Amino acid sequence: MSERDENTPDEPGTPESEETAEDQVQDGEAEVIDAEAEVVDAQAVEPEPVEDNVEVLPDESTRLRQQLDESSARLRAVSKAYKDLQTEMDAFRRRQQVLAEAKAEKRAAQVVERFFEPVQNLRRALDQTDVSLEDLRAGVQMVLKQFVGRMEELGLAEIPGVGSTFDPQVHDALAQLPVTDEAMNGKVIEVYATGWRVGDKVIQPAQVVVGVYQEPADA
């Protein structure tokens, strides 16, 4: 063989080169088959059993839902307790209102009862037809005294009238009239309406006329 024949590499497409490529393909297929076999073997291995006493923790969403459920339950309990308390307080206020109204009605009845006798005496005085004016006047004065007495029993006191010093806290001055008596200066000289008070509280101020001193004119 010539030098050219010994040193020249095999040409592509020769039987030797084709056999080498087929061998490579077969080797690759064998490796794929071996890998698939390993995967099948791995899948065929049974997982190790979990011990019964190992606690499996819930995931985050389950834990949050449990907390939400617990919070909702507490909120419902507090809301129910508040509503029950409100219902009880409303019932208590209604009972107190009923008691107050009953007490006020009883008090009003007791007040009215005190005036039964004076009113009846006044009617008797007016029914008299064969009495003098002087006797009628005396009878009315007696009835008036009874009325004042009943009012004083209820705690009412008459505000001082004629002769008392004018006091804007208890008197309502309707007018001023000149007086020649210096001692009557600033004094009540006439009462249009009697005033009443209970303790220090004025229920009705007295409507009065106040005297203002003026020196008498020279004759």
N, C-alpha and C. Protein backbone atom coordinates (compact mmCIF):
# COMPACT_ATOMS: atom_id res chain seq x y z
N MET A 1 0.87 -1.19 0.00
CA MET A 1 0.00 0.00 0.00
C MET A 1 0.90 1.22 0.00
N SER A 2 0.48 2.26 -0.68
CA SER A 2 1.27 3.49 -0.76
C SER A 2 1.11 4.32 0.47
N GLU A 3 2.01 5.31 0.66
CA GLU A 3 1.91 6.23 1.80
C GLU A 3 0.58 6.92 1.83
N ARG A 4 0.05 7.23 0.71
CA ARG A 4 -1.25 7.92 0.66
C ARG A 4 -2.31 7.06 1.27
N ASP A 5 -2.22 5.75 1.01
CA ASP A 5 -3.25 4.86 1.54
C ASP A 5 -3.14 4.72 3.02
N GLU A 6 -1.94 4.75 3.64
CA GLU A 6 -1.78 4.52 5.08
C GLU A 6 -2.18 5.75 5.87
N ASN A 7 -1.87 6.94 5.39
CA ASN A 7 -2.11 8.16 6.19
C ASN A 7 -3.47 8.78 5.93
N THR A 8 -4.11 8.40 4.91
CA THR A 8 -5.41 9.03 4.59
C THR A 8 -6.48 8.46 5.49
N PRO A 9 -7.25 9.35 6.25
CA PRO A 9 -8.33 8.86 7.15
C PRO A 9 -9.45 8.29 6.36
N ASP A 10 -10.28 7.50 7.09
CA ASP A 10 -11.43 6.89 6.42
C ASP A 10 -12.37 7.94 5.93
N GLU A 11 -12.86 7.80 4.81
CA GLU A 11 -13.82 8.74 4.23
C GLU A 11 -15.18 8.54 4.87
N PRO A 12 -15.88 9.63 5.00
CA PRO A 12 -17.25 9.49 5.54
C PRO A 12 -18.06 8.59 4.66
N GLY A 13 -18.93 7.81 5.36
CA GLY A 13 -19.77 6.93 4.58
C GLY A 13 -19.20 5.57 4.41
N THR A 14 -18.02 5.33 4.96
CA THR A 14 -17.43 4.01 4.86
C THR A 14 -18.07 3.12 5.86
N PRO A 15 -17.99 1.78 5.72
CA PRO A 15 -18.63 0.85 6.67
C PRO A 15 -18.13 1.01 8.06
N GLU A 16 -16.85 1.36 8.27
CA GLU A 16 -16.30 1.47 9.63
C GLU A 16 -16.92 2.65 10.35
N SER A 17 -17.02 3.78 9.64
CA SER A 17 -17.60 4.97 10.29
C SER A 17 -19.07 4.77 10.58
N GLU A 18 -19.79 4.12 9.73
CA GLU A 18 -21.22 3.88 9.98
C GLU A 18 -21.40 2.98 11.18
N GLU A 19 -20.58 2.01 11.36
CA GLU A 19 -20.72 1.11 12.52
C GLU A 19 -20.48 1.87 13.80
N THR A 20 -19.52 2.78 13.77
CA THR A 20 -19.23 3.56 14.99
C THR A 20 -20.43 4.41 15.37
N ALA A 21 -21.12 5.08 14.46
CA ALA A 21 -22.30 5.92 14.75
C ALA A 21 -23.42 5.08 15.29
N GLU A 22 -23.61 3.89 14.76
CA GLU A 22 -24.69 3.03 15.25
C GLU A 22 -24.42 2.61 16.68
N ASP A 23 -23.13 2.34 16.95
CA ASP A 23 -22.79 1.97 18.33
C ASP A 23 -23.11 3.12 19.30
N GLN A 24 -22.86 4.34 18.91
CA GLN A 24 -23.15 5.49 19.79
C GLN A 24 -24.65 5.63 20.05
N VAL A 25 -25.45 5.43 19.01
CA VAL A 25 -26.91 5.52 19.18
C VAL A 25 -27.40 4.45 20.12
N GLN A 26 -26.89 3.27 19.96
CA GLN A 26 -27.30 2.18 20.84
C GLN A 26 -26.91 2.46 22.28
N ASP A 27 -25.70 2.99 22.45
CA ASP A 27 -25.27 3.32 23.82
C ASP A 27 -26.19 4.37 24.45
N GLY A 28 -26.61 5.38 23.66
CA GLY A 28 -27.52 6.43 24.20
C GLY A 28 -28.85 5.85 24.57
N GLU A 29 -29.38 4.97 23.72
CA GLU A 29 -30.68 4.35 24.05
C GLU A 29 -30.57 3.51 25.29
N ALA A 30 -29.45 2.85 25.48
CA ALA A 30 -29.26 2.02 26.68
C ALA A 30 -29.25 2.89 27.92
N GLU A 31 -28.62 4.06 27.85
CA GLU A 31 -28.59 4.95 29.00
C GLU A 31 -30.00 5.45 29.35
N VAL A 32 -30.81 5.79 28.32
CA VAL A 32 -32.19 6.24 28.57
C VAL A 32 -33.00 5.15 29.22
N ILE A 33 -32.81 3.90 28.72
CA ILE A 33 -33.55 2.78 29.31
C ILE A 33 -33.17 2.59 30.75
N ASP A 34 -31.85 2.69 31.04
CA ASP A 34 -31.40 2.55 32.43
C ASP A 34 -31.98 3.64 33.32
N ALA A 35 -32.07 4.90 32.82
CA ALA A 35 -32.63 6.02 33.62
C ALA A 35 -34.10 5.80 33.90
N GLU A 36 -34.84 5.32 32.86
CA GLU A 36 -36.27 5.04 33.07
C GLU A 36 -36.47 3.95 34.09
N ALA A 37 -35.58 2.94 34.07
CA ALA A 37 -35.68 1.85 35.03
C ALA A 37 -35.46 2.36 36.45
N GLU A 38 -34.51 3.30 36.61
CA GLU A 38 -34.26 3.85 37.95
C GLU A 38 -35.47 4.64 38.45
N VAL A 39 -36.13 5.38 37.52
CA VAL A 39 -37.33 6.15 37.92
C VAL A 39 -38.43 5.21 38.35
N VAL A 40 -38.63 4.10 37.58
CA VAL A 40 -39.67 3.13 37.93
C VAL A 40 -39.38 2.51 39.27
N ASP A 41 -38.09 2.18 39.51
CA ASP A 41 -37.72 1.60 40.80
C ASP A 41 -37.97 2.58 41.94
N ALA A 42 -37.66 3.86 41.69
CA ALA A 42 -37.88 4.86 42.74
C ALA A 42 -39.34 5.01 43.05
N GLN A 43 -40.21 4.99 41.98
CA GLN A 43 -41.65 5.11 42.20
C GLN A 43 -42.20 3.88 42.88
N ALA A 44 -41.60 2.77 42.66
CA ALA A 44 -42.11 1.53 43.25
C ALA A 44 -41.79 1.43 44.72
N VAL A 45 -40.86 2.27 45.21
CA VAL A 45 -40.51 2.20 46.64
C VAL A 45 -41.66 2.78 47.48
N GLU A 46 -42.16 2.10 48.41
CA GLU A 46 -43.27 2.55 49.26
C GLU A 46 -42.76 3.57 50.27
N PRO A 47 -43.55 4.64 50.50
CA PRO A 47 -43.12 5.64 51.50
C PRO A 47 -43.18 5.06 52.88
N GLU A 48 -42.30 5.58 53.73
CA GLU A 48 -42.28 5.11 55.11
C GLU A 48 -43.53 5.57 55.84
N PRO A 49 -44.14 4.73 56.60
CA PRO A 49 -45.38 5.10 57.32
C PRO A 49 -45.11 6.18 58.36
N VAL A 50 -46.11 7.11 58.54
CA VAL A 50 -46.01 8.19 59.53
C VAL A 50 -46.51 7.66 60.86
N GLU A 51 -45.76 7.90 61.88
CA GLU A 51 -46.17 7.42 63.20
C GLU A 51 -47.44 8.12 63.64
N ASP A 52 -48.29 7.39 64.39
CA ASP A 52 -49.60 7.92 64.80
C ASP A 52 -49.46 9.08 65.75
N ASN A 53 -48.43 9.12 66.57
CA ASN A 53 -48.32 10.15 67.58
C ASN A 53 -47.69 11.43 67.05
N VAL A 54 -47.40 11.49 65.75
CA VAL A 54 -46.83 12.69 65.18
C VAL A 54 -47.98 13.62 64.79
N GLU A 55 -48.01 14.85 65.37
CA GLU A 55 -49.08 15.81 65.13
C GLU A 55 -48.81 16.55 63.83
N VAL A 56 -49.80 16.54 62.95
CA VAL A 56 -49.68 17.23 61.68
C VAL A 56 -50.23 18.63 61.86
N LEU A 57 -49.42 19.70 61.80
CA LEU A 57 -49.84 21.09 62.02
C LEU A 57 -50.67 21.56 60.83
N PRO A 58 -51.74 22.32 61.11
CA PRO A 58 -52.54 22.86 60.00
C PRO A 58 -51.74 23.90 59.24
N ASP A 59 -52.10 24.11 58.03
CA ASP A 59 -51.40 25.12 57.26
C ASP A 59 -51.83 26.52 57.70
N GLU A 60 -51.22 27.52 57.13
CA GLU A 60 -51.44 28.90 57.58
C GLU A 60 -52.90 29.34 57.39
N SER A 61 -53.51 29.00 56.27
CA SER A 61 -54.90 29.42 56.03
C SER A 61 -55.85 28.79 57.03
N THR A 62 -55.62 27.51 57.36
CA THR A 62 -56.48 26.85 58.35
C THR A 62 -56.31 27.49 59.73
N ARG A 63 -55.08 27.83 60.09
CA ARG A 63 -54.83 28.47 61.39
C ARG A 63 -55.53 29.84 61.47
N LEU A 64 -55.42 30.61 60.39
CA LEU A 64 -56.08 31.92 60.38
C LEU A 64 -57.60 31.78 60.45
N ARG A 65 -58.15 30.77 59.77
CA ARG A 65 -59.60 30.56 59.83
C ARG A 65 -60.04 30.20 61.24
N GLN A 66 -59.24 29.37 61.91
CA GLN A 66 -59.58 29.01 63.29
C GLN A 66 -59.56 30.25 64.18
N GLN A 67 -58.56 31.11 64.02
CA GLN A 67 -58.51 32.34 64.80
C GLN A 67 -59.70 33.24 64.50
N LEU A 68 -60.09 33.32 63.23
CA LEU A 68 -61.25 34.13 62.85
C LEU A 68 -62.52 33.58 63.48
N ASP A 69 -62.68 32.27 63.46
CA ASP A 69 -63.86 31.66 64.06
C ASP A 69 -63.91 31.92 65.56
N GLU A 70 -62.76 31.83 66.22
CA GLU A 70 -62.72 32.08 67.67
C GLU A 70 -63.04 33.54 67.98
N SER A 71 -62.50 34.47 67.18
CA SER A 71 -62.78 35.89 67.39
C SER A 71 -64.25 36.19 67.15
N SER A 72 -64.81 35.58 66.12
CA SER A 72 -66.24 35.80 65.83
C SER A 72 -67.10 35.27 66.96
N ALA A 73 -66.74 34.14 67.53
CA ALA A 73 -67.50 33.58 68.63
C ALA A 73 -67.45 34.49 69.86
N ARG A 74 -66.26 35.01 70.15
CA ARG A 74 -66.13 35.95 71.29
C ARG A 74 -66.93 37.22 71.05
N LEU A 75 -66.90 37.72 69.82
CA LEU A 75 -67.65 38.93 69.49
C LEU A 75 -69.15 38.70 69.64
N ARG A 76 -69.63 37.55 69.21
CA ARG A 76 -71.06 37.25 69.36
C ARG A 76 -71.45 37.17 70.83
N ALA A 77 -70.55 36.58 71.65
CA ALA A 77 -70.84 36.46 73.08
C ALA A 77 -70.90 37.84 73.74
N VAL A 78 -69.94 38.71 73.39
CA VAL A 78 -69.93 40.05 73.97
C VAL A 78 -71.14 40.84 73.50
N SER A 79 -71.49 40.71 72.22
CA SER A 79 -72.65 41.43 71.69
C SER A 79 -73.94 40.98 72.38
N LYS A 80 -74.07 39.69 72.61
CA LYS A 80 -75.27 39.18 73.29
C LYS A 80 -75.34 39.69 74.73
N ALA A 81 -74.18 39.69 75.41
CA ALA A 81 -74.16 40.19 76.78
C ALA A 81 -74.54 41.66 76.83
N TYR A 82 -74.06 42.44 75.85
CA TYR A 82 -74.39 43.87 75.82
C TYR A 82 -75.88 44.08 75.57
N LYS A 83 -76.45 43.32 74.64
CA LYS A 83 -77.88 43.45 74.35
C LYS A 83 -78.71 43.04 75.57
N ASP A 84 -78.30 41.99 76.26
CA ASP A 84 -79.01 41.58 77.46
C ASP A 84 -78.96 42.67 78.53
N LEU A 85 -77.78 43.31 78.66
CA LEU A 85 -77.65 44.40 79.64
C LEU A 85 -78.53 45.58 79.26
N GLN A 86 -78.57 45.92 77.96
CA GLN A 86 -79.41 47.01 77.51
C GLN A 86 -80.88 46.72 77.78
N THR A 87 -81.29 45.49 77.52
CA THR A 87 -82.68 45.11 77.78
C THR A 87 -83.01 45.23 79.26
N GLU A 88 -82.09 44.78 80.10
CA GLU A 88 -82.31 44.88 81.55
C GLU A 88 -82.37 46.33 82.01
N MET A 89 -81.50 47.18 81.47
CA MET A 89 -81.51 48.60 81.84
C MET A 89 -82.80 49.28 81.39
N ASP A 90 -83.26 48.94 80.19
CA ASP A 90 -84.53 49.52 79.69
C ASP A 90 -85.69 49.11 80.59
N ALA A 91 -85.70 47.85 80.98
CA ALA A 91 -86.76 47.38 81.87
C ALA A 91 -86.69 48.08 83.23
N PHE A 92 -85.45 48.29 83.73
CA PHE A 92 -85.28 49.00 85.00
C PHE A 92 -85.78 50.43 84.91
N ARG A 93 -85.45 51.13 83.80
CA ARG A 93 -85.92 52.50 83.63
C ARG A 93 -87.44 52.56 83.54
N ARG A 94 -88.04 51.60 82.86
CA ARG A 94 -89.50 51.59 82.78
C ARG A 94 -90.12 51.38 84.15
N ARG A 95 -89.54 50.49 84.95
CA ARG A 95 -90.07 50.27 86.30
C ARG A 95 -89.95 51.53 87.15
N GLN A 96 -88.79 52.20 87.03
CA GLN A 96 -88.59 53.43 87.80
C GLN A 96 -89.56 54.52 87.36
N GLN A 97 -89.84 54.59 86.06
CA GLN A 97 -90.78 55.59 85.56
C GLN A 97 -92.19 55.31 86.06
N VAL A 98 -92.57 54.03 86.05
CA VAL A 98 -93.90 53.68 86.56
C VAL A 98 -94.02 54.01 88.04
N LEU A 99 -92.97 53.72 88.80
CA LEU A 99 -92.98 54.03 90.23
C LEU A 99 -93.05 55.54 90.46
N ALA A 100 -92.30 56.31 89.66
CA ALA A 100 -92.32 57.76 89.81
C ALA A 100 -93.69 58.33 89.48
N GLU A 101 -94.31 57.81 88.42
CA GLU A 101 -95.64 58.29 88.06
C GLU A 101 -96.66 57.94 89.14
N ALA A 102 -96.56 56.74 89.67
CA ALA A 102 -97.48 56.34 90.74
C ALA A 102 -97.29 57.21 91.97
N LYS A 103 -96.02 57.52 92.29
CA LYS A 103 -95.73 58.37 93.45
C LYS A 103 -96.26 59.77 93.23
N ALA A 104 -96.11 60.30 92.00
CA ALA A 104 -96.61 61.64 91.69
C ALA A 104 -98.14 61.68 91.78
N GLU A 105 -98.79 60.65 91.28
CA GLU A 105 -100.25 60.60 91.35
C GLU A 105 -100.72 60.54 92.81
N LYS A 106 -100.03 59.76 93.61
CA LYS A 106 -100.40 59.67 95.03
C LYS A 106 -100.19 61.00 95.72
N ARG A 107 -99.09 61.68 95.39
CA ARG A 107 -98.81 62.98 95.98
C ARG A 107 -99.87 64.00 95.57
N ALA A 108 -100.25 63.97 94.29
CA ALA A 108 -101.29 64.89 93.82
C ALA A 108 -102.61 64.64 94.53
N ALA A 109 -102.94 63.37 94.73
CA ALA A 109 -104.19 63.04 95.43
C ALA A 109 -104.16 63.55 96.87
N GLN A 110 -103.02 63.42 97.53
CA GLN A 110 -102.90 63.91 98.90
C GLN A 110 -103.03 65.43 98.97
N VAL A 111 -102.48 66.12 97.95
CA VAL A 111 -102.59 67.58 97.91
C VAL A 111 -104.05 68.00 97.73
N VAL A 112 -104.72 67.35 96.80
CA VAL A 112 -106.12 67.71 96.53
C VAL A 112 -106.99 67.45 97.75
N GLU A 113 -106.72 66.37 98.44
CA GLU A 113 -107.53 66.04 99.62
C GLU A 113 -107.49 67.15 100.67
N ARG A 114 -106.37 67.85 100.76
CA ARG A 114 -106.24 68.92 101.75
C ARG A 114 -107.19 70.08 101.47
N PHE A 115 -107.61 70.21 100.23
CA PHE A 115 -108.45 71.35 99.87
C PHE A 115 -109.94 70.99 99.76
N PHE A 116 -110.27 69.75 100.05
CA PHE A 116 -111.68 69.36 99.99
C PHE A 116 -112.53 70.19 100.96
N GLU A 117 -112.07 70.29 102.19
CA GLU A 117 -112.85 71.01 103.20
C GLU A 117 -112.98 72.50 102.91
N PRO A 118 -111.86 73.24 102.59
CA PRO A 118 -112.03 74.66 102.26
C PRO A 118 -112.95 74.91 101.08
N VAL A 119 -112.86 74.06 100.05
CA VAL A 119 -113.71 74.23 98.88
C VAL A 119 -115.18 74.01 99.27
N GLN A 120 -115.44 72.99 100.07
CA GLN A 120 -116.82 72.73 100.49
C GLN A 120 -117.36 73.88 101.35
N ASN A 121 -116.53 74.46 102.23
CA ASN A 121 -116.96 75.60 103.05
C ASN A 121 -117.24 76.82 102.19
N LEU A 122 -116.45 77.01 101.13
CA LEU A 122 -116.69 78.14 100.24
C LEU A 122 -118.02 77.97 99.52
N ARG A 123 -118.35 76.79 99.11
CA ARG A 123 -119.64 76.54 98.45
C ARG A 123 -120.80 76.78 99.41
N ARG A 124 -120.63 76.37 100.64
CA ARG A 124 -121.69 76.60 101.62
C ARG A 124 -121.92 78.11 101.82
N ALA A 125 -120.80 78.86 101.87
CA ALA A 125 -120.93 80.31 102.06
C ALA A 125 -121.65 80.96 100.89
N LEU A 126 -121.37 80.51 99.69
CA LEU A 126 -122.00 81.10 98.51
C LEU A 126 -123.46 80.66 98.38
N ASP A 127 -123.81 79.51 98.95
CA ASP A 127 -125.20 79.04 98.88
C ASP A 127 -126.13 79.80 99.83
N GLN A 128 -125.55 80.52 100.79
CA GLN A 128 -126.36 81.28 101.75
C GLN A 128 -127.03 82.46 101.04
N THR A 129 -128.33 82.58 101.26
CA THR A 129 -129.08 83.68 100.62
C THR A 129 -129.66 84.67 101.64
N ASP A 130 -129.77 84.23 102.86
CA ASP A 130 -130.39 85.08 103.87
C ASP A 130 -129.37 85.60 104.88
N VAL A 131 -128.16 85.92 104.42
CA VAL A 131 -127.12 86.45 105.31
C VAL A 131 -126.75 87.84 104.85
N SER A 132 -126.25 88.61 105.76
CA SER A 132 -125.82 89.96 105.43
C SER A 132 -124.47 89.92 104.74
N LEU A 133 -124.16 91.03 104.10
CA LEU A 133 -122.88 91.14 103.41
C LEU A 133 -121.72 91.00 104.39
N GLU A 134 -121.94 91.52 105.56
CA GLU A 134 -120.88 91.43 106.58
C GLU A 134 -120.64 90.00 107.00
N ASP A 135 -121.72 89.21 107.16
CA ASP A 135 -121.56 87.79 107.52
C ASP A 135 -120.91 87.01 106.37
N LEU A 136 -121.31 87.34 105.16
CA LEU A 136 -120.71 86.66 104.00
C LEU A 136 -119.22 86.95 103.91
N ARG A 137 -118.87 88.17 104.17
CA ARG A 137 -117.46 88.54 104.15
C ARG A 137 -116.68 87.77 105.21
N ALA A 138 -117.25 87.67 106.37
CA ALA A 138 -116.58 86.94 107.46
C ALA A 138 -116.42 85.47 107.09
N GLY A 139 -117.43 84.90 106.44
CA GLY A 139 -117.35 83.49 106.03
C GLY A 139 -116.27 83.26 104.99
N VAL A 140 -116.17 84.18 104.02
CA VAL A 140 -115.14 84.05 102.98
C VAL A 140 -113.74 84.19 103.58
N GLN A 141 -113.59 85.11 104.53
CA GLN A 141 -112.29 85.27 105.19
C GLN A 141 -111.89 83.99 105.93
N MET A 142 -112.89 83.34 106.54
CA MET A 142 -112.60 82.08 107.22
C MET A 142 -112.12 81.01 106.23
N VAL A 143 -112.78 80.94 105.09
CA VAL A 143 -112.38 79.97 104.07
C VAL A 143 -110.99 80.28 103.54
N LEU A 144 -110.70 81.57 103.33
CA LEU A 144 -109.37 81.96 102.86
C LEU A 144 -108.30 81.54 103.86
N LYS A 145 -108.59 81.70 105.11
CA LYS A 145 -107.64 81.29 106.14
C LYS A 145 -107.40 79.78 106.08
N GLN A 146 -108.46 79.02 105.82
CA GLN A 146 -108.30 77.57 105.68
C GLN A 146 -107.41 77.22 104.49
N PHE A 147 -107.60 77.91 103.37
CA PHE A 147 -106.77 77.66 102.18
C PHE A 147 -105.29 77.94 102.48
N VAL A 148 -105.04 79.08 103.11
CA VAL A 148 -103.66 79.44 103.42
C VAL A 148 -103.05 78.41 104.36
N GLY A 149 -103.83 77.96 105.33
CA GLY A 149 -103.33 76.95 106.26
C GLY A 149 -102.96 75.66 105.55
N ARG A 150 -103.80 75.23 104.59
CA ARG A 150 -103.49 74.00 103.85
C ARG A 150 -102.23 74.18 102.99
N MET A 151 -102.07 75.34 102.43
CA MET A 151 -100.88 75.59 101.61
C MET A 151 -99.62 75.59 102.47
N GLU A 152 -99.72 76.14 103.65
CA GLU A 152 -98.56 76.13 104.56
C GLU A 152 -98.22 74.71 105.00
N GLU A 153 -99.24 73.87 105.14
CA GLU A 153 -98.99 72.46 105.46
C GLU A 153 -98.20 71.76 104.36
N LEU A 154 -98.33 72.23 103.14
CA LEU A 154 -97.60 71.65 102.00
C LEU A 154 -96.19 72.23 101.87
N GLY A 155 -95.84 73.15 102.77
CA GLY A 155 -94.50 73.73 102.73
C GLY A 155 -94.43 75.08 102.05
N LEU A 156 -95.56 75.63 101.60
CA LEU A 156 -95.56 76.93 100.96
C LEU A 156 -95.62 78.02 102.01
N ALA A 157 -94.91 79.12 101.74
CA ALA A 157 -94.92 80.27 102.64
C ALA A 157 -95.25 81.51 101.84
N GLU A 158 -96.10 82.36 102.41
CA GLU A 158 -96.49 83.58 101.73
C GLU A 158 -95.36 84.61 101.81
N ILE A 159 -95.06 85.23 100.67
CA ILE A 159 -94.03 86.26 100.64
C ILE A 159 -94.58 87.52 101.31
N PRO A 160 -93.81 88.13 102.20
CA PRO A 160 -94.29 89.33 102.91
C PRO A 160 -94.81 90.40 101.95
N GLY A 161 -95.91 91.03 102.34
CA GLY A 161 -96.56 92.02 101.47
C GLY A 161 -96.45 93.43 101.99
N VAL A 162 -97.61 94.05 102.27
CA VAL A 162 -97.67 95.46 102.66
C VAL A 162 -96.81 95.70 103.90
N GLY A 163 -96.00 96.76 103.82
CA GLY A 163 -95.14 97.14 104.92
C GLY A 163 -93.75 96.52 104.86
N SER A 164 -93.54 95.51 104.04
CA SER A 164 -92.22 94.88 103.95
C SER A 164 -91.32 95.67 103.00
N THR A 165 -90.03 95.53 103.17
CA THR A 165 -89.07 96.20 102.29
C THR A 165 -89.06 95.52 100.93
N PHE A 166 -89.06 96.36 99.89
CA PHE A 166 -89.05 95.81 98.54
C PHE A 166 -87.78 95.00 98.30
N ASP A 167 -87.97 93.75 97.82
CA ASP A 167 -86.85 92.85 97.54
C ASP A 167 -87.05 92.31 96.12
N PRO A 168 -86.18 92.72 95.18
CA PRO A 168 -86.37 92.25 93.80
C PRO A 168 -86.26 90.73 93.65
N GLN A 169 -85.72 90.05 94.65
CA GLN A 169 -85.62 88.59 94.57
C GLN A 169 -86.98 87.92 94.77
N VAL A 170 -87.88 88.60 95.50
CA VAL A 170 -89.18 88.00 95.79
C VAL A 170 -90.35 88.87 95.37
N HIS A 171 -90.08 90.14 95.02
CA HIS A 171 -91.14 91.08 94.63
C HIS A 171 -90.99 91.47 93.17
N ASP A 172 -92.11 91.65 92.53
CA ASP A 172 -92.16 92.15 91.16
C ASP A 172 -92.88 93.50 91.21
N ALA A 173 -92.11 94.61 91.05
CA ALA A 173 -92.69 95.96 91.18
C ALA A 173 -93.47 96.32 89.93
N LEU A 174 -94.77 96.51 90.09
CA LEU A 174 -95.61 96.91 88.98
C LEU A 174 -95.63 98.43 88.80
N ALA A 175 -95.43 99.14 89.89
CA ALA A 175 -95.46 100.61 89.82
C ALA A 175 -94.82 101.19 91.07
N GLN A 176 -94.56 102.50 91.01
CA GLN A 176 -94.06 103.24 92.15
C GLN A 176 -95.01 104.41 92.41
N LEU A 177 -95.32 104.62 93.67
CA LEU A 177 -96.20 105.72 94.04
C LEU A 177 -95.50 106.59 95.07
N PRO A 178 -95.66 107.89 94.96
CA PRO A 178 -95.04 108.78 95.95
C PRO A 178 -95.73 108.66 97.31
N VAL A 179 -94.95 108.74 98.35
CA VAL A 179 -95.47 108.70 99.73
C VAL A 179 -94.84 109.85 100.49
N THR A 180 -95.61 110.38 101.41
CA THR A 180 -95.11 111.49 102.23
C THR A 180 -94.49 111.01 103.52
N ASP A 181 -94.73 109.73 103.83
CA ASP A 181 -94.14 109.16 105.04
C ASP A 181 -92.76 108.60 104.67
N GLU A 182 -91.72 109.20 105.22
CA GLU A 182 -90.35 108.78 104.89
C GLU A 182 -90.10 107.33 105.26
N ALA A 183 -90.79 106.83 106.26
CA ALA A 183 -90.61 105.44 106.68
C ALA A 183 -91.10 104.45 105.63
N MET A 184 -91.98 104.87 104.70
CA MET A 184 -92.52 103.99 103.67
C MET A 184 -91.72 104.05 102.38
N ASN A 185 -90.61 104.78 102.41
CA ASN A 185 -89.77 104.85 101.21
C ASN A 185 -89.15 103.47 100.94
N GLY A 186 -89.37 102.93 99.73
CA GLY A 186 -88.84 101.62 99.37
C GLY A 186 -89.61 100.46 100.00
N LYS A 187 -90.78 100.75 100.53
CA LYS A 187 -91.61 99.72 101.14
C LYS A 187 -92.76 99.34 100.20
N VAL A 188 -93.28 98.14 100.42
CA VAL A 188 -94.45 97.69 99.67
C VAL A 188 -95.69 98.37 100.28
N ILE A 189 -96.43 99.12 99.45
CA ILE A 189 -97.61 99.80 99.95
C ILE A 189 -98.91 99.17 99.43
N GLU A 190 -98.77 98.26 98.45
CA GLU A 190 -99.96 97.59 97.92
C GLU A 190 -99.54 96.28 97.26
N VAL A 191 -100.38 95.24 97.37
CA VAL A 191 -100.11 93.92 96.77
C VAL A 191 -101.22 93.61 95.78
N TYR A 192 -100.83 93.40 94.53
CA TYR A 192 -101.79 93.01 93.50
C TYR A 192 -101.97 91.49 93.46
N ALA A 193 -100.89 90.75 93.68
CA ALA A 193 -100.95 89.28 93.67
C ALA A 193 -99.99 88.76 94.72
N THR A 194 -100.50 87.87 95.55
CA THR A 194 -99.69 87.31 96.62
C THR A 194 -98.59 86.41 96.05
N GLY A 195 -97.41 86.50 96.62
CA GLY A 195 -96.30 85.64 96.20
C GLY A 195 -96.13 84.46 97.15
N TRP A 196 -95.54 83.38 96.62
CA TRP A 196 -95.34 82.15 97.40
C TRP A 196 -93.95 81.59 97.14
N ARG A 197 -93.45 80.93 98.17
CA ARG A 197 -92.16 80.27 98.02
C ARG A 197 -92.14 79.01 98.87
N VAL A 198 -91.24 78.11 98.50
CA VAL A 198 -91.01 76.89 99.29
C VAL A 198 -89.56 76.93 99.73
N GLY A 199 -89.35 77.12 101.02
CA GLY A 199 -87.99 77.31 101.51
C GLY A 199 -87.41 78.58 100.92
N ASP A 200 -86.26 78.46 100.25
CA ASP A 200 -85.63 79.61 99.62
C ASP A 200 -86.00 79.75 98.14
N LYS A 201 -86.79 78.83 97.63
CA LYS A 201 -87.15 78.86 96.21
C LYS A 201 -88.47 79.59 96.02
N VAL A 202 -88.46 80.63 95.18
CA VAL A 202 -89.66 81.42 94.91
C VAL A 202 -90.50 80.70 93.86
N ILE A 203 -91.73 80.36 94.24
CA ILE A 203 -92.64 79.73 93.29
C ILE A 203 -93.34 80.78 92.46
N GLN A 204 -93.75 81.84 93.11
CA GLN A 204 -94.40 82.95 92.41
C GLN A 204 -94.04 84.25 93.12
N PRO A 205 -93.40 85.19 92.43
CA PRO A 205 -93.07 86.47 93.08
C PRO A 205 -94.34 87.28 93.34
N ALA A 206 -94.29 88.08 94.36
CA ALA A 206 -95.44 88.94 94.69
C ALA A 206 -95.43 90.16 93.78
N GLN A 207 -96.58 90.48 93.23
CA GLN A 207 -96.72 91.67 92.39
C GLN A 207 -97.17 92.82 93.28
N VAL A 208 -96.33 93.85 93.36
CA VAL A 208 -96.54 94.88 94.36
C VAL A 208 -96.36 96.28 93.77
N VAL A 209 -96.80 97.28 94.57
CA VAL A 209 -96.55 98.68 94.31
C VAL A 209 -95.62 99.19 95.39
N VAL A 210 -94.57 99.93 95.00
CA VAL A 210 -93.54 100.37 95.92
C VAL A 210 -93.66 101.87 96.16
N GLY A 211 -93.53 102.25 97.42
CA GLY A 211 -93.60 103.67 97.76
C GLY A 211 -92.28 104.38 97.57
N VAL A 212 -92.33 105.62 97.08
CA VAL A 212 -91.14 106.46 96.90
C VAL A 212 -91.40 107.76 97.65
N TYR A 213 -90.53 108.06 98.58
CA TYR A 213 -90.76 109.23 99.44
C TYR A 213 -90.54 110.53 98.66
N GLN A 214 -91.48 111.42 98.86
CA GLN A 214 -91.35 112.77 98.34
C GLN A 214 -91.70 113.75 99.46
N GLU A 215 -90.90 114.78 99.58
CA GLU A 215 -91.17 115.77 100.62
C GLU A 215 -92.48 116.47 100.30
N PRO A 216 -93.29 116.64 101.32
CA PRO A 216 -94.56 117.35 101.06
C PRO A 216 -94.32 118.79 100.62
N ALA A 217 -95.16 119.25 99.75
CA ALA A 217 -95.04 120.63 99.28
C ALA A 217 -95.42 121.59 100.38
N ASP A 218 -94.79 122.76 100.43
CA ASP A 218 -95.10 123.77 101.44
C ASP A 218 -96.52 124.30 101.20
N ALA A 219 -97.22 124.46 102.30
CA ALA A 219 -98.60 124.96 102.20
C ALA A 219 -98.59 126.43 101.81
